[in-house]
Amino acid sequence: MRVTPKILIALALVLVAHPADARPVSSNFGSSASERAYTDFLALSKGGSKATANVNFTIDPQMPAVYASQIKRDTLASVRMWSNDRAPSIKMDVYAAPTQHFQFIYDYMNQVLPPSQLANGWLDEKLRRSKTESSGFYGGGAPGNSINGDDVFMVYVPNKYPINDAHWNSVVSHEYVHVVQRLNFRGSMAPIQCWVREGQANYIGWSYAGRASATSFASAWKTQIRDLEQARFYTKTQKFSKVYWQQWFLKNEFQDVSKDCEPVDNYIVGALAFQYLYGTYGHAKVETFLHNLRDAAQPCGNGGPNFISACITARNTAFTSAFGISLHDAYPKFAQHIVSELRWAATS
């Protein structure tokens, strides 16, 4: 059979089109999108400015040196990784302590944060949990700017917590994403839905935790997916239903983001959506989307119910401008990716 130039061109287009649907090269990954997301993250983590970071660490003497060293190392790595979005010269004050002595952080936060940043009693709740859950309560926070205008960052972990635990290893890079988000949105989180806010942070945090190798990356993501499994907010039928996950994103559009984002699903489902976005479109387009969202600040107001209609439209405009498809067209693609990753985690 004679192959014409037109047929050759058509065959070439078939070979290069829809790379997200191609089979993964390595069995370590649930999809080609997750594999490319891993490669994209490695490029991000190894890039950035090597300029000296303007970071001041205030660490409780009771914190073991191994945790203090890790917090410093991961903080400086995050500053370098995100230097194109947040200059290393911007001052940041980091406060760290063992969970058993969260009082150290509590006292400093009450000194350095303006009263408006302490509204709703979030810090008092953390202090309460540190006393009642001292052996397992760990995490961090990016509560905004101090009275002097510095970015404020805090981290806490129980003494004797496993230093190699993937949950713990994701914390600093997760929380630093919120520092970058606050800078990008000039202090207001209203333009970003909960799955965007926490999903991006969780995606980066867990990718950082698994950065050492493809095997480590897969292990970290399976750990995260197991957390979603343990939450039990869906049935076995819903778990592998693309319609269920598509509806999840549609319902999420109407969330009141002026309140705290519920953990587990927003964090992990959001991370899987960002894995698809980074793996399909790359870091630059994801950043364009997030920067576009700044234009949604006014229509979104405080992120409460009174602004929902205008905010949905503004968010969709930001997304479409960055990726060339609407959010409603993207939700089925997110859903397909989530089902694929859940199946991979369950069978591999």
Protein backbone atom coordinates (compact mmCIF):
# COMPACT_ATOMS: atom_id res chain seq x y z
CA MET A 1 0.00 0.00 0.00
CA ARG A 2 1.31 3.40 -0.95
CA VAL A 3 1.38 5.82 2.01
CA THR A 4 0.67 9.37 0.97
CA PRO A 5 2.17 12.42 2.72
CA LYS A 6 -1.29 13.29 4.04
CA ILE A 7 -1.59 9.89 5.72
CA LEU A 8 1.88 10.26 7.21
CA ILE A 9 0.93 13.62 8.67
CA ALA A 10 -2.26 12.16 10.11
CA LEU A 11 -0.32 9.31 11.70
CA ALA A 12 2.14 11.76 13.22
CA LEU A 13 -0.70 13.75 14.71
CA VAL A 14 -2.18 10.61 16.25
CA LEU A 15 1.15 9.81 17.85
CA VAL A 16 1.62 13.22 19.46
CA ALA A 17 -1.98 14.07 20.34
CA HIS A 18 -3.51 13.52 23.79
CA PRO A 19 -0.26 12.71 25.68
CA ALA A 20 -2.26 12.54 28.93
CA ASP A 21 -3.96 9.39 27.63
CA ALA A 22 -0.70 7.57 26.90
CA ARG A 23 0.29 4.60 29.02
CA PRO A 24 2.73 5.34 31.85
CA VAL A 25 6.34 4.42 31.16
CA SER A 26 6.89 3.19 34.70
CA SER A 27 4.70 0.96 36.87
CA ASN A 28 5.51 3.30 39.77
CA PHE A 29 2.80 5.65 38.51
CA GLY A 30 -0.94 5.38 38.15
CA SER A 31 -1.08 7.30 34.89
CA SER A 32 1.11 9.16 32.42
CA ALA A 33 -0.24 12.41 33.90
CA SER A 34 1.06 11.47 37.36
CA GLU A 35 4.40 10.46 35.87
CA ARG A 36 4.78 13.79 34.08
CA ALA A 37 3.69 15.62 37.24
CA TYR A 38 6.57 13.93 39.07
CA THR A 39 9.04 15.05 36.39
CA ASP A 40 7.57 18.56 36.42
CA PHE A 41 7.94 18.75 40.20
CA LEU A 42 11.56 17.60 40.12
CA ALA A 43 12.34 20.43 37.71
CA LEU A 44 10.61 22.91 40.02
CA SER A 45 12.39 21.61 43.14
CA LYS A 46 15.83 21.83 41.54
CA GLY A 47 15.31 25.28 40.09
CA GLY A 48 14.92 28.70 41.65
CA SER A 49 17.30 31.33 42.94
CA LYS A 50 20.25 30.44 45.15
CA ALA A 51 20.15 33.89 46.76
CA THR A 52 20.35 33.97 50.55
CA ALA A 53 16.91 33.63 52.08
CA ASN A 54 15.86 36.37 54.51
CA VAL A 55 14.53 33.94 57.14
CA ASN A 56 14.76 34.26 60.91
CA PHE A 57 14.24 31.03 62.87
CA THR A 58 12.95 31.16 66.44
CA ILE A 59 13.02 27.58 67.70
CA ASP A 60 12.06 26.33 71.14
CA PRO A 61 15.13 24.89 72.93
CA GLN A 62 13.01 21.86 73.81
CA MET A 63 12.74 20.85 70.14
CA PRO A 64 15.14 18.01 69.24
CA ALA A 65 17.93 19.06 66.90
CA VAL A 66 16.90 16.55 64.22
CA TYR A 67 13.51 18.25 63.76
CA ALA A 68 15.00 21.74 63.93
CA SER A 69 17.51 20.87 61.20
CA GLN A 70 14.81 19.41 58.98
CA ILE A 71 12.55 22.44 59.41
CA LYS A 72 15.40 24.78 58.47
CA ARG A 73 16.42 22.68 55.49
CA ASP A 74 12.88 22.27 54.14
CA THR A 75 12.08 25.96 54.66
CA LEU A 76 15.15 27.13 52.77
CA ALA A 77 14.46 24.60 49.99
CA SER A 78 10.90 25.93 49.68
CA VAL A 79 12.07 29.54 49.54
CA ARG A 80 14.48 28.63 46.72
CA MET A 81 11.89 26.50 44.88
CA TRP A 82 9.32 29.33 44.84
CA SER A 83 11.75 32.21 44.30
CA ASN A 84 10.11 33.15 40.98
CA ASP A 85 6.86 33.80 42.87
CA ARG A 86 8.24 35.11 46.15
CA ALA A 87 11.65 36.78 46.29
CA PRO A 88 14.08 35.26 48.84
CA SER A 89 14.75 38.82 50.07
CA ILE A 90 11.24 39.10 51.55
CA LYS A 91 11.59 38.63 55.28
CA MET A 92 9.95 35.66 56.96
CA ASP A 93 9.91 34.74 60.65
CA VAL A 94 9.65 31.03 61.42
CA TYR A 95 8.56 29.76 64.84
CA ALA A 96 8.93 26.07 65.71
CA ALA A 97 8.39 23.95 68.80
CA PRO A 98 7.48 20.43 69.88
CA THR A 99 3.73 19.84 69.99
CA GLN A 100 4.12 19.13 73.71
CA HIS A 101 5.31 22.73 74.13
CA PHE A 102 3.02 24.48 71.65
CA GLN A 103 2.74 27.20 74.30
CA PHE A 104 6.06 28.52 72.94
CA ILE A 105 4.49 29.19 69.53
CA TYR A 106 1.24 30.39 71.11
CA ASP A 107 3.00 33.06 73.14
CA TYR A 108 4.98 34.33 70.16
CA MET A 109 1.94 34.44 67.86
CA ASN A 110 0.09 36.58 70.40
CA GLN A 111 3.05 38.96 70.45
CA VAL A 112 3.79 39.29 66.74
CA LEU A 113 0.41 38.95 64.99
CA PRO A 114 -2.12 41.79 64.84
CA PRO A 115 -5.44 41.01 66.58
CA SER A 116 -7.21 40.64 63.23
CA GLN A 117 -4.97 37.67 62.41
CA LEU A 118 -6.01 35.92 65.63
CA ALA A 119 -9.75 36.18 65.04
CA ASN A 120 -12.04 33.15 65.35
CA GLY A 121 -9.88 31.50 67.99
CA TRP A 122 -7.88 29.29 65.60
CA LEU A 123 -4.72 29.61 67.71
CA ASP A 124 -6.56 28.75 70.93
CA GLU A 125 -7.92 25.63 69.21
CA LYS A 126 -4.40 24.57 68.23
CA LEU A 127 -3.25 25.04 71.81
CA ARG A 128 -6.14 22.91 73.03
CA ARG A 129 -5.34 20.15 70.56
CA SER A 130 -1.66 20.24 71.47
CA LYS A 131 -2.64 19.35 75.02
CA THR A 132 -5.19 16.66 74.20
CA GLU A 133 -3.43 15.13 71.17
CA SER A 134 0.20 15.70 72.11
CA SER A 135 1.52 12.45 70.63
CA GLY A 136 -0.01 12.81 67.17
CA PHE A 137 -0.84 16.47 66.52
CA TYR A 138 1.63 18.02 64.08
CA GLY A 139 1.51 20.62 61.35
CA GLY A 140 2.13 24.26 60.67
CA GLY A 141 0.53 27.47 59.59
CA ALA A 142 0.97 30.61 57.51
CA PRO A 143 -1.26 33.05 59.40
CA GLY A 144 -0.26 36.16 57.48
CA ASN A 145 1.98 39.10 58.30
CA SER A 146 3.30 40.24 61.65
CA ILE A 147 2.75 43.71 63.07
CA ASN A 148 6.13 44.55 61.50
CA GLY A 149 5.02 43.35 58.07
CA ASP A 150 7.08 40.14 58.02
CA ASP A 151 5.62 36.89 56.73
CA VAL A 152 4.93 34.57 59.66
CA PHE A 153 5.37 30.83 59.49
CA MET A 154 5.02 28.21 62.25
CA VAL A 155 5.75 24.49 62.54
CA TYR A 156 5.20 21.94 65.31
CA VAL A 157 5.78 18.21 65.67
CA PRO A 158 5.59 15.83 68.66
CA ASN A 159 8.85 14.75 70.23
CA LYS A 160 9.80 11.23 69.09
CA TYR A 161 7.62 11.46 65.96
CA PRO A 162 9.09 9.33 63.13
CA ILE A 163 11.47 11.57 61.22
CA ASN A 164 10.85 9.66 57.97
CA ASP A 165 7.04 9.81 58.13
CA ALA A 166 5.65 11.06 54.81
CA HIS A 167 2.93 13.10 56.52
CA TRP A 168 5.51 15.00 58.56
CA ASN A 169 7.90 15.38 55.63
CA SER A 170 5.19 17.15 53.61
CA VAL A 171 4.35 19.79 56.24
CA VAL A 172 6.89 22.58 55.66
CA SER A 173 6.57 22.61 51.86
CA HIS A 174 2.75 22.44 52.16
CA GLU A 175 2.58 25.42 54.49
CA TYR A 176 5.04 27.45 52.46
CA VAL A 177 2.69 27.21 49.49
CA HIS A 178 0.18 29.14 51.62
CA VAL A 179 2.80 31.84 52.19
CA VAL A 180 3.14 32.16 48.41
CA GLN A 181 -0.64 32.10 47.94
CA ARG A 182 -1.12 34.90 50.47
CA LEU A 183 1.45 37.02 48.66
CA ASN A 184 -0.12 36.31 45.28
CA PHE A 185 -3.61 37.18 46.50
CA ARG A 186 -2.44 40.11 48.61
CA GLY A 187 -3.68 38.52 51.83
CA SER A 188 -7.15 37.41 50.69
CA MET A 189 -7.87 33.73 50.02
CA ALA A 190 -11.42 34.46 48.78
CA PRO A 191 -10.67 33.93 45.06
CA ILE A 192 -9.55 30.34 45.57
CA GLN A 193 -11.82 27.41 46.28
CA CYS A 194 -10.89 25.03 49.07
CA TRP A 195 -9.72 22.34 46.65
CA VAL A 196 -7.47 24.91 44.98
CA ARG A 197 -6.09 26.38 48.21
CA GLU A 198 -5.38 23.11 49.97
CA GLY A 199 -5.05 20.93 46.89
CA GLN A 200 -2.07 22.86 45.53
CA ALA A 201 -0.42 22.88 48.95
CA ASN A 202 -1.00 19.16 49.45
CA TYR A 203 0.19 18.35 45.94
CA ILE A 204 3.45 20.22 46.51
CA GLY A 205 3.88 18.89 50.06
CA TRP A 206 3.42 15.23 49.14
CA SER A 207 5.52 15.57 46.01
CA TYR A 208 8.28 17.06 48.15
CA ALA A 209 7.96 14.19 50.63
CA GLY A 210 8.42 11.69 47.78
CA ARG A 211 11.00 13.57 45.75
CA ALA A 212 13.90 11.15 46.40
CA SER A 213 12.83 8.63 43.77
CA ALA A 214 9.92 7.41 41.69
CA THR A 215 9.37 4.67 44.26
CA SER A 216 9.27 7.18 47.13
CA PHE A 217 6.92 9.38 45.14
CA ALA A 218 4.52 6.49 44.54
CA SER A 219 4.69 5.49 48.20
CA ALA A 220 3.87 9.03 49.36
CA TRP A 221 0.88 9.30 47.04
CA LYS A 222 -0.46 5.92 48.09
CA THR A 223 -0.17 7.02 51.72
CA GLN A 224 -2.19 10.14 50.89
CA ILE A 225 -4.83 8.11 49.05
CA ARG A 226 -5.10 5.76 52.05
CA ASP A 227 -5.93 8.82 54.17
CA LEU A 228 -8.79 9.52 51.76
CA GLU A 229 -9.92 5.90 52.07
CA GLN A 230 -9.96 6.09 55.85
CA ALA A 231 -12.19 9.18 55.76
CA ARG A 232 -15.02 7.02 54.35
CA PHE A 233 -17.06 9.86 52.88
CA TYR A 234 -17.97 7.86 49.78
CA THR A 235 -19.32 4.36 49.09
CA LYS A 236 -17.48 1.67 47.15
CA THR A 237 -19.70 2.40 44.16
CA GLN A 238 -19.00 6.15 44.32
CA LYS A 239 -15.25 5.57 44.66
CA PHE A 240 -14.85 4.51 41.04
CA SER A 241 -17.65 6.64 39.63
CA LYS A 242 -16.54 9.48 37.38
CA VAL A 243 -19.98 11.06 37.79
CA TYR A 244 -19.57 11.11 41.58
CA TRP A 245 -16.26 12.98 41.40
CA GLN A 246 -17.52 15.35 38.73
CA GLN A 247 -20.44 16.22 41.01
CA TRP A 248 -17.99 16.67 43.90
CA PHE A 249 -16.30 19.53 42.04
CA LEU A 250 -19.62 21.07 40.99
CA LYS A 251 -20.81 21.14 44.62
CA ASN A 252 -17.49 22.56 45.72
CA GLU A 253 -18.14 25.71 43.67
CA PHE A 254 -20.72 26.77 46.27
CA GLN A 255 -18.50 26.39 49.33
CA ASP A 256 -18.24 29.26 51.78
CA VAL A 257 -14.47 29.80 51.69
CA SER A 258 -14.67 32.46 54.38
CA LYS A 259 -14.75 29.48 56.76
CA ASP A 260 -12.06 26.88 57.32
CA CYS A 261 -11.61 24.36 54.53
CA GLU A 262 -12.55 20.88 55.68
CA PRO A 263 -9.47 18.68 55.53
CA VAL A 264 -9.19 15.21 53.94
CA ASP A 265 -11.29 15.57 50.78
CA ASN A 266 -10.41 19.16 49.83
CA TYR A 267 -6.77 18.40 50.57
CA ILE A 268 -6.45 15.04 48.82
CA VAL A 269 -9.02 15.28 46.02
CA GLY A 270 -7.64 18.75 45.35
CA ALA A 271 -4.09 17.36 45.26
CA LEU A 272 -5.15 14.77 42.68
CA ALA A 273 -6.74 17.52 40.55
CA PHE A 274 -3.50 19.50 40.72
CA GLN A 275 -1.52 16.38 39.85
CA TYR A 276 -3.60 16.21 36.67
CA LEU A 277 -3.10 19.92 35.94
CA TYR A 278 0.66 19.90 36.51
CA GLY A 279 1.06 16.63 34.63
CA THR A 280 -1.08 17.71 31.68
CA TYR A 281 -0.26 21.42 31.30
CA GLY A 282 2.95 21.99 33.26
CA HIS A 283 3.98 24.38 36.00
CA ALA A 284 3.90 27.57 33.93
CA LYS A 285 0.23 27.25 32.97
CA VAL A 286 -0.79 26.35 36.52
CA GLU A 287 0.98 29.48 37.71
CA THR A 288 -0.83 31.51 35.05
CA PHE A 289 -4.15 30.21 36.37
CA LEU A 290 -3.30 31.16 39.96
CA HIS A 291 -2.10 34.61 38.91
CA ASN A 292 -5.27 35.07 36.84
CA LEU A 293 -7.30 34.42 39.98
CA ARG A 294 -6.11 37.73 41.43
CA ASP A 295 -8.66 39.38 39.16
CA ALA A 296 -11.35 37.41 41.03
CA ALA A 297 -10.58 39.15 44.33
CA GLN A 298 -13.21 41.87 43.96
CA PRO A 299 -16.03 39.66 42.58
CA CYS A 300 -15.34 37.09 45.32
CA GLY A 301 -15.50 39.60 48.20
CA ASN A 302 -14.86 37.65 51.40
CA GLY A 303 -15.60 34.31 49.73
CA GLY A 304 -18.96 34.02 51.48
CA PRO A 305 -22.41 33.12 50.09
CA ASN A 306 -23.29 36.68 49.04
CA PHE A 307 -20.55 36.60 46.40
CA ILE A 308 -20.93 33.04 45.11
CA SER A 309 -22.50 33.81 41.72
CA ALA A 310 -20.01 36.50 40.68
CA CYS A 311 -17.13 34.52 42.16
CA ILE A 312 -17.93 31.35 40.18
CA THR A 313 -17.89 33.35 36.95
CA ALA A 314 -14.59 35.08 37.83
CA ARG A 315 -12.89 31.82 38.80
CA ASN A 316 -13.99 30.16 35.58
CA THR A 317 -12.65 33.06 33.53
CA ALA A 318 -9.26 32.69 35.24
CA PHE A 319 -9.21 28.95 34.58
CA THR A 320 -10.34 29.14 30.96
CA SER A 321 -7.83 31.86 30.16
CA ALA A 322 -4.97 29.70 31.48
CA PHE A 323 -5.91 26.24 30.19
CA GLY A 324 -8.16 26.89 27.20
CA ILE A 325 -11.09 24.90 28.64
CA SER A 326 -13.73 25.79 31.20
CA LEU A 327 -13.86 24.39 34.70
CA HIS A 328 -16.99 22.43 33.79
CA ASP A 329 -15.12 20.83 30.90
CA ALA A 330 -12.18 20.10 33.19
CA TYR A 331 -14.19 18.38 35.95
CA PRO A 332 -14.77 15.17 33.93
CA LYS A 333 -11.02 15.06 33.22
CA PHE A 334 -10.26 15.49 36.94
CA ALA A 335 -12.79 12.75 37.68
CA GLN A 336 -11.21 10.33 35.22
CA HIS A 337 -7.76 10.97 36.71
CA ILE A 338 -9.02 10.49 40.28
CA VAL A 339 -10.71 7.20 39.42
CA SER A 340 -7.54 6.05 37.66
CA GLU A 341 -5.34 6.94 40.65
CA LEU A 342 -7.69 5.32 43.18
CA ARG A 343 -7.73 2.14 41.12
CA TRP A 344 -3.92 2.19 40.83
CA ALA A 345 -3.52 2.62 44.59
CA ALA A 346 -5.96 -0.23 45.25
CA THR A 347 -4.40 -2.74 42.86
CA SER A 348 -0.67 -1.97 42.73
